[in-house]
Protein backbone atom coordinates (compact mmCIF):
# COMPACT_ATOMS: atom_id res chain seq x y z
CA MET A 1 3.45 76.28 -72.81
CA SER A 2 3.17 79.61 -71.33
CA ASN A 3 2.68 79.71 -67.14
CA THR A 4 -1.52 80.12 -67.67
CA ASP A 5 -1.88 77.75 -70.77
CA PRO A 6 -4.25 75.03 -69.36
CA PHE A 7 -3.08 71.47 -68.75
CA GLU A 8 -4.82 68.25 -67.16
CA ILE A 9 -3.56 68.03 -63.28
CA PHE A 10 -3.50 64.57 -61.98
CA LEU A 11 -4.06 64.84 -58.01
CA GLN A 12 -2.68 61.31 -57.06
CA THR A 13 -4.21 59.75 -53.77
CA ALA A 14 -4.77 56.27 -52.48
CA PRO A 15 -7.83 54.01 -54.05
CA GLY A 16 -11.02 54.74 -51.78
CA LEU A 17 -9.67 58.25 -50.86
CA GLU A 18 -10.77 59.80 -54.03
CA PRO A 19 -13.89 61.17 -53.41
CA ALA A 20 -12.64 62.51 -50.29
CA LEU A 21 -9.94 64.48 -52.22
CA ARG A 22 -11.99 65.82 -54.81
CA ALA A 23 -14.21 67.44 -52.41
CA GLU A 24 -11.04 69.20 -50.93
CA ALA A 25 -10.03 70.15 -54.35
CA SER A 26 -13.45 71.79 -54.92
CA GLU A 27 -13.43 73.51 -51.45
CA VAL A 28 -10.31 75.21 -51.83
CA GLY A 29 -11.28 76.10 -55.27
CA PHE A 30 -10.60 74.26 -57.81
CA ASP A 31 -12.95 74.29 -60.64
CA GLY A 32 -14.00 70.88 -62.75
CA ALA A 33 -12.18 68.20 -60.04
CA GLU A 34 -13.06 64.52 -61.23
CA VAL A 35 -12.64 61.53 -59.51
CA VAL A 36 -10.67 58.82 -61.77
CA PRO A 37 -9.19 55.70 -60.51
CA GLY A 38 -6.16 56.70 -57.94
CA GLY A 39 -6.58 60.21 -57.80
CA VAL A 40 -8.49 63.45 -59.22
CA THR A 41 -8.24 65.25 -62.12
CA LEU A 42 -8.72 68.86 -63.35
CA ARG A 43 -7.30 71.48 -65.81
CA GLY A 44 -5.42 74.55 -65.02
CA GLY A 45 -1.85 76.14 -65.53
CA TRP A 46 1.23 75.99 -63.65
CA PRO A 47 0.02 78.59 -60.85
CA GLU A 48 -2.40 75.95 -60.15
CA VAL A 49 0.22 73.01 -59.72
CA TRP A 50 1.66 75.33 -57.21
CA ARG A 51 -1.02 75.83 -55.68
CA ALA A 52 -2.40 71.95 -55.41
CA ASN A 53 1.30 71.45 -54.19
CA LEU A 54 0.86 73.95 -51.50
CA SER A 55 -2.34 73.76 -50.11
CA LEU A 56 -3.91 70.74 -50.48
CA ARG A 57 -3.60 68.67 -47.77
CA GLY A 58 -4.53 64.74 -49.41
CA ALA A 59 -3.02 64.51 -52.31
CA ASP A 60 0.02 62.39 -52.16
CA ARG A 61 1.54 63.63 -55.65
CA VAL A 62 0.73 66.48 -58.17
CA LEU A 63 1.40 65.39 -61.59
CA ALA A 64 1.35 67.91 -64.78
CA ARG A 65 0.35 66.10 -67.91
CA VAL A 66 2.45 68.41 -70.20
CA GLY A 67 1.91 66.66 -73.28
CA SER A 68 0.86 63.47 -75.34
CA PHE A 69 0.99 62.63 -79.20
CA ARG A 70 0.15 58.59 -80.73
CA ALA A 71 3.29 56.31 -81.41
CA MET A 72 2.14 52.83 -82.80
CA HIS A 73 5.90 51.74 -82.91
CA LEU A 74 9.55 52.77 -81.48
CA ALA A 75 10.68 54.48 -84.64
CA GLN A 76 7.61 56.93 -83.84
CA LEU A 77 7.96 57.06 -80.42
CA ASP A 78 11.83 58.42 -80.93
CA LYS A 79 10.93 60.54 -83.92
CA ARG A 80 8.05 62.48 -82.05
CA SER A 81 9.73 62.44 -78.41
CA ARG A 82 12.76 64.32 -80.34
CA LYS A 83 10.07 67.11 -81.64
CA PHE A 84 8.53 67.66 -78.12
CA PRO A 85 8.87 71.10 -77.10
CA TRP A 86 11.25 70.19 -73.84
CA PRO A 87 12.76 73.44 -73.63
CA GLU A 88 9.40 74.56 -72.20
CA VAL A 89 9.14 72.57 -69.29
CA LEU A 90 12.67 71.17 -68.45
CA ARG A 91 15.78 72.77 -67.55
CA ALA A 92 18.96 71.53 -69.48
CA ASP A 93 21.12 71.89 -66.05
CA VAL A 94 18.47 69.78 -64.06
CA PRO A 95 19.20 65.91 -64.50
CA VAL A 96 16.03 64.05 -64.78
CA LYS A 97 14.32 60.52 -64.41
CA VAL A 98 12.05 58.74 -67.01
CA GLU A 99 9.54 55.94 -65.73
CA THR A 100 7.22 54.30 -68.33
CA THR A 101 4.54 51.60 -68.14
CA CYS A 102 2.89 49.85 -71.34
CA HIS A 103 -1.04 49.06 -71.37
CA ALA A 104 -2.79 47.67 -74.24
CA SER A 105 -0.40 49.38 -76.99
CA ARG A 106 1.46 48.20 -79.70
CA ILE A 107 4.55 49.55 -77.88
CA TYR A 108 4.87 46.85 -74.74
CA HIS A 109 8.21 46.95 -74.17
CA ALA A 110 8.64 49.62 -71.42
CA GLY A 111 12.07 49.43 -70.91
CA ALA A 112 12.96 49.79 -74.67
CA ALA A 113 10.36 52.95 -74.60
CA THR A 114 12.27 54.30 -71.74
CA GLN A 115 15.52 54.45 -73.60
CA ARG A 116 14.24 55.92 -76.75
CA ILE A 117 12.75 59.18 -74.52
CA GLU A 118 15.91 59.52 -72.89
CA THR A 119 17.78 59.47 -75.82
CA ALA A 120 15.84 62.10 -77.19
CA LEU A 121 16.46 64.15 -74.08
CA ARG A 122 20.06 64.12 -73.76
CA GLU A 123 20.46 64.45 -77.60
CA GLU A 124 17.99 67.30 -78.24
CA LEU A 125 17.90 68.88 -74.75
CA GLY A 126 21.02 68.06 -73.49
CA VAL A 127 19.85 66.95 -70.37
CA THR A 128 21.27 64.45 -68.01
CA VAL A 129 19.31 61.44 -67.32
CA THR A 130 19.46 59.25 -64.41
CA PRO A 131 17.83 56.97 -62.53
CA GLN A 132 18.59 59.03 -59.04
CA ALA A 133 17.29 62.35 -60.36
CA ALA A 134 14.65 63.74 -58.02
CA LEU A 135 13.01 65.29 -60.92
CA GLY A 136 11.17 62.56 -62.37
CA LEU A 137 9.41 62.20 -65.97
CA ARG A 138 6.44 59.53 -66.12
CA VAL A 139 5.30 57.95 -69.49
CA ARG A 140 2.39 56.30 -70.10
CA ILE A 141 1.39 54.46 -73.52
CA ALA A 142 -2.00 53.26 -72.95
CA ASP A 143 -3.72 52.48 -76.24
CA ASP A 144 -0.94 53.98 -78.51
CA LEU A 145 -1.15 56.91 -76.57
CA VAL A 146 1.91 58.51 -75.12
CA THR A 147 1.36 60.83 -72.16
CA PHE A 148 3.87 62.71 -70.67
CA SER A 149 3.69 63.94 -66.74
CA LEU A 150 5.82 65.79 -64.74
CA ASP A 151 5.74 64.66 -61.00
CA THR A 152 5.98 68.58 -60.01
CA SER A 153 5.88 67.43 -56.26
CA GLY A 154 9.30 65.51 -55.44
CA ALA A 155 8.91 63.96 -52.59
CA PRO A 156 5.64 62.62 -51.48
CA LEU A 157 3.36 65.56 -50.34
CA HIS A 158 3.05 63.67 -46.52
CA LYS A 159 6.30 64.35 -45.97
CA ARG A 160 5.39 68.14 -44.71
CA GLY A 161 8.95 69.24 -43.90
CA HIS A 162 8.22 69.79 -40.51
CA LYS A 163 7.68 66.38 -39.22
CA PRO A 164 11.26 64.19 -38.79
CA ALA A 165 9.74 62.25 -35.70
CA VAL A 166 7.44 59.36 -36.38
CA GLY A 167 6.67 56.18 -34.72
CA LYS A 168 6.79 52.37 -35.15
CA ALA A 169 3.73 52.37 -37.77
CA PRO A 170 2.97 55.85 -38.99
CA MET A 171 -0.12 57.21 -40.50
CA ARG A 172 0.80 59.51 -43.44
CA GLU A 173 -0.46 62.76 -43.20
CA THR A 174 -2.18 63.11 -46.25
CA TYR A 175 -4.43 59.81 -45.44
CA ALA A 176 -5.01 61.38 -41.85
CA ALA A 177 -6.43 64.83 -43.51
CA LEU A 178 -8.67 62.80 -45.74
CA PHE A 179 -9.59 60.02 -43.21
CA LEU A 180 -10.71 63.64 -40.83
CA ARG A 181 -12.78 64.81 -44.05
CA GLN A 182 -14.39 61.75 -44.24
CA CYS A 183 -15.77 61.70 -40.64
CA GLY A 184 -17.18 65.62 -41.16
CA TYR A 185 -14.13 67.48 -39.69
CA ASP A 186 -14.11 70.70 -41.05
CA GLY A 187 -11.54 72.63 -38.77
CA ARG A 188 -14.04 74.18 -36.01
CA GLU A 189 -14.49 71.35 -33.68
CA PRO A 190 -11.89 69.67 -30.75
CA VAL A 191 -10.04 66.21 -32.17
CA LEU A 192 -8.94 63.62 -30.06
CA ASP A 193 -6.90 60.49 -30.48
CA PRO A 194 -6.39 58.49 -27.94
CA MET A 195 -3.28 56.14 -29.26
CA CYS A 196 -1.82 59.49 -31.18
CA GLY A 197 1.70 57.93 -31.89
CA SER A 198 3.44 60.62 -33.40
CA GLY A 199 0.14 63.11 -33.60
CA THR A 200 -0.51 62.59 -37.07
CA PHE A 201 -4.34 63.38 -36.68
CA VAL A 202 -4.15 65.82 -33.92
CA ILE A 203 -1.62 67.69 -35.94
CA GLU A 204 -2.90 67.53 -39.05
CA ALA A 205 -6.35 68.63 -37.19
CA ALA A 206 -4.58 71.93 -35.58
CA GLU A 207 -2.84 72.84 -38.87
CA TRP A 208 -5.96 72.71 -40.87
CA ALA A 209 -7.70 74.50 -37.99
CA ALA A 210 -4.75 76.94 -38.21
CA GLY A 211 -5.12 77.67 -41.60
CA LEU A 212 -1.81 76.55 -42.34
CA MET A 213 -0.65 75.64 -45.71
CA PRO A 214 0.48 71.95 -45.32
CA GLY A 215 3.44 72.45 -48.44
CA ARG A 216 4.84 75.80 -46.28
CA SER A 217 7.40 74.07 -44.66
CA ARG A 218 9.23 72.09 -47.73
CA GLU A 219 10.66 72.34 -51.09
CA PHE A 220 8.94 70.91 -54.48
CA ALA A 221 10.29 69.61 -57.86
CA PHE A 222 8.43 72.43 -59.92
CA GLU A 223 11.07 74.54 -58.45
CA GLN A 224 13.27 72.94 -61.17
CA LEU A 225 11.28 73.25 -64.01
CA ALA A 226 11.85 75.59 -66.72
CA SER A 227 8.45 77.35 -66.00
CA PHE A 228 9.22 77.96 -62.67
CA ASP A 229 8.30 81.36 -62.01
CA ALA A 230 10.03 82.46 -58.48
CA GLU A 231 8.88 85.59 -58.12
CA ALA A 232 5.28 84.53 -58.40
CA TRP A 233 5.97 81.59 -56.12
CA THR A 234 6.87 83.74 -53.45
CA ALA A 235 4.17 85.74 -53.62
CA MET A 236 1.83 82.89 -53.65
CA ARG A 237 3.50 81.18 -50.61
CA GLY A 238 3.77 84.60 -48.96
CA VAL A 239 0.05 85.10 -48.65
CA ASP A 240 -1.12 84.48 -44.82
CA VAL A 241 -4.66 83.11 -44.36
CA SER A 242 -3.54 81.72 -40.72
CA GLN A 243 -5.88 82.16 -37.77
CA THR A 244 -6.42 81.17 -34.32
CA PRO A 245 -8.07 77.83 -33.74
CA SER A 246 -10.55 78.23 -30.75
CA VAL A 247 -10.60 74.58 -29.43
CA THR A 248 -8.21 72.71 -28.38
CA PHE A 249 -6.87 69.12 -30.40
CA ARG A 250 -5.36 66.52 -27.93
CA GLY A 251 -3.51 63.39 -28.18
CA SER A 252 -2.82 60.41 -25.65
CA ASP A 253 -0.74 57.34 -25.80
CA ARG A 254 0.22 54.72 -23.18
CA ASP A 255 4.02 55.51 -24.50
CA ASP A 256 5.73 58.26 -23.07
CA GLY A 257 8.18 58.37 -25.62
CA ALA A 258 5.16 58.82 -28.31
CA ILE A 259 4.01 61.89 -25.92
CA ARG A 260 7.25 63.20 -26.02
CA MET A 261 7.57 62.88 -30.31
CA SER A 262 4.28 64.13 -30.61
CA GLY A 263 5.21 67.59 -28.48
CA GLU A 264 7.94 68.09 -31.01
CA ASN A 265 6.45 67.65 -34.10
CA ALA A 266 3.77 69.78 -32.70
CA GLU A 267 6.29 72.40 -32.09
CA ARG A 268 7.59 71.94 -35.45
CA ALA A 269 4.69 72.52 -37.07
CA GLY A 270 3.68 75.91 -35.52
CA VAL A 271 0.71 74.38 -33.50
CA LYS A 272 2.15 73.77 -29.74
CA ASP A 273 -0.26 76.51 -28.47
CA TRP A 274 -3.29 74.81 -29.72
CA THR A 275 -2.34 70.90 -29.02
CA VAL A 276 -2.27 69.17 -25.87
CA PHE A 277 -0.24 65.34 -25.57
CA GLN A 278 -0.54 63.14 -22.19
CA GLN A 279 0.69 60.00 -21.11
CA GLY A 280 -2.24 57.93 -20.84
CA ALA A 281 -3.63 54.30 -21.18
CA VAL A 282 -7.28 53.95 -23.45
CA ALA A 283 -8.54 52.26 -20.25
CA GLU A 284 -7.65 55.67 -18.43
CA LEU A 285 -9.55 57.70 -21.48
CA GLU A 286 -11.51 60.77 -20.13
CA ARG A 287 -13.69 63.42 -21.99
CA PRO A 288 -12.02 66.74 -21.93
CA GLU A 289 -13.72 70.08 -21.23
CA GLY A 290 -15.30 71.57 -23.65
CA PRO A 291 -17.52 71.28 -26.61
CA PRO A 292 -18.12 67.72 -28.56
CA GLY A 293 -15.96 66.96 -31.32
CA LEU A 294 -14.60 63.73 -33.34
CA VAL A 295 -12.38 61.08 -31.67
CA ILE A 296 -10.64 59.53 -34.48
CA VAL A 297 -8.02 56.46 -33.66
CA ASN A 298 -5.55 54.40 -36.18
CA PRO A 299 -5.23 51.78 -33.55
CA PRO A 300 -2.92 48.77 -33.79
CA TYR A 301 -3.62 45.97 -36.18
CA GLY A 302 -1.81 42.91 -35.14
CA ALA A 303 -0.27 42.59 -38.31
CA ARG A 304 1.48 45.91 -37.79
CA ILE A 305 2.18 46.01 -33.89
CA GLY A 306 2.42 43.37 -31.23
CA ASN A 307 -0.32 40.55 -30.48
CA LYS A 308 -3.64 40.03 -32.47
CA ALA A 309 -5.08 38.03 -29.97
CA LEU A 310 -4.60 40.72 -27.41
CA LEU A 311 -5.84 43.19 -29.15
CA TYR A 312 -9.98 42.59 -29.14
CA ALA A 313 -9.76 43.51 -25.83
CA VAL A 314 -8.04 46.51 -26.46
CA TYR A 315 -10.28 47.70 -28.60
CA ALA A 316 -13.49 46.48 -26.36
CA THR A 317 -11.76 49.23 -23.67
CA LEU A 318 -11.84 51.94 -26.33
CA GLY A 319 -15.34 51.23 -27.04
CA GLN A 320 -16.59 51.17 -23.59
CA ARG A 321 -14.59 54.42 -22.67
CA LEU A 322 -16.38 55.89 -25.80
CA LYS A 323 -19.40 54.70 -24.88
CA GLU A 324 -19.75 55.85 -21.37
CA GLY A 325 -18.18 59.27 -21.35
CA PHE A 326 -18.24 60.70 -24.57
CA LYS A 327 -22.10 61.23 -25.79
CA GLY A 328 -22.15 63.74 -28.05
CA TRP A 329 -19.06 62.84 -29.75
CA ARG A 330 -18.40 61.12 -32.90
CA VAL A 331 -15.97 58.33 -33.57
CA GLY A 332 -13.64 57.38 -36.15
CA ILE A 333 -11.32 54.43 -36.50
CA VAL A 334 -9.33 53.35 -39.24
CA THR A 335 -8.59 49.44 -38.88
CA THR A 336 -8.00 46.42 -40.89
CA GLU A 337 -10.71 44.32 -39.71
CA THR A 338 -14.29 44.08 -39.13
CA GLY A 339 -13.89 42.14 -36.25
CA PHE A 340 -11.43 44.65 -34.61
CA ALA A 341 -14.44 47.19 -35.19
CA ARG A 342 -17.03 45.13 -33.87
CA ALA A 343 -15.29 44.69 -30.58
CA THR A 344 -15.68 48.10 -29.57
CA GLY A 345 -19.54 47.61 -29.47
CA LEU A 346 -20.08 51.33 -30.74
CA PRO A 347 -22.46 51.82 -33.57
CA PHE A 348 -21.01 52.36 -36.56
CA LYS A 349 -22.59 53.47 -40.02
CA PRO A 350 -22.12 51.42 -43.25
CA VAL A 351 -17.94 50.92 -43.70
CA GLY A 352 -16.23 52.74 -46.20
CA PRO A 353 -14.02 51.52 -48.92
CA VAL A 354 -10.86 49.67 -48.40
CA VAL A 355 -7.42 51.60 -48.57
CA PRO A 356 -4.20 50.62 -49.14
CA HIS A 357 -2.06 51.25 -46.38
CA GLY A 358 1.53 50.14 -45.49
CA GLY A 359 0.95 46.91 -47.00
CA LEU A 360 -2.26 46.43 -45.70
CA LYS A 361 -6.03 47.37 -46.14
CA VAL A 362 -7.83 49.45 -43.95
CA ARG A 363 -11.40 50.70 -43.57
CA LEU A 364 -12.79 53.68 -41.67
CA TYR A 365 -15.41 52.80 -39.52
CA GLN A 366 -17.30 55.93 -38.19
CA THR A 367 -20.43 56.46 -35.77
CA GLY A 368 -22.91 59.30 -35.78
CA VAL A 369 -23.15 61.44 -32.79
CA LEU A 370 -22.98 59.26 -29.59
CA LYS A 371 -26.08 59.24 -27.63
């Protein structure tokens, strides 16, 4: 397998967000992206894997499906795993962990299958196999087809590498990017989050507008693969496509600690010059000067933070401030219950799909332009 030989690449995301991720992948130049349950598939070589990790704001992980074969029983799995060209993709000096799932196959015991593959790796490649390894080999056995996929990301991609400070109930950066996209955000309008927490929506919008690559500050598992070309990766990473945004991105929160945290995160992300964070309750929310844009907010859910019974008033106050002062703006609210959204009194479009988030199920409620 050379660096340019095509194979299937799987971009993982939460159920419900797949169409938004496909739209992003197509927008940044990945051809043939198709929605499948839990993600998006496309074909490419290792440079496409590197670029997906570096440039996609919405993908949670990037998996490289490096090979597959049929296996009807464990002896066959053992034999074909030993014949697999491991040196083309894995290095003997980089430990690896093996994770196996079985579905509708004659090989039904995932633990036994894992043992066979681990033994093949140790004896044929000489690699250390341990559950503590950072590099993961994912094995899926479905309908007697064994598929090997490498997790090329390592740490989940929402860990951008420049945001150590998070709030009590953080929104993942990857989810925030896709919710922004679902709201029609394209990087050219102001964004305001009146319950900004650690600043995720605001910082993601500012980075997007500034053309900053989401993976610019971190390392990836693919850097430890046999296929890695350090010189080509350095050249790819060194391409500067940044620009200066023409609008300002704002966040507010009643918690002074959240505001301090957001400012620190914005500075680490390199978007301090285009963001403004200030302390203030939702009842004090005012329209900022400048052109209309998008208000997007992930309010408390009750089960997540605080007393659920008190939250309806908060949502109602938010809706009142937006209706009174934000004509010409659009609104996106991520929450768990239709009742919370209805409490705002805002004219929402048909609700979006359910998205699992932090053990709960959320939906994006969005309006058109407020009149």
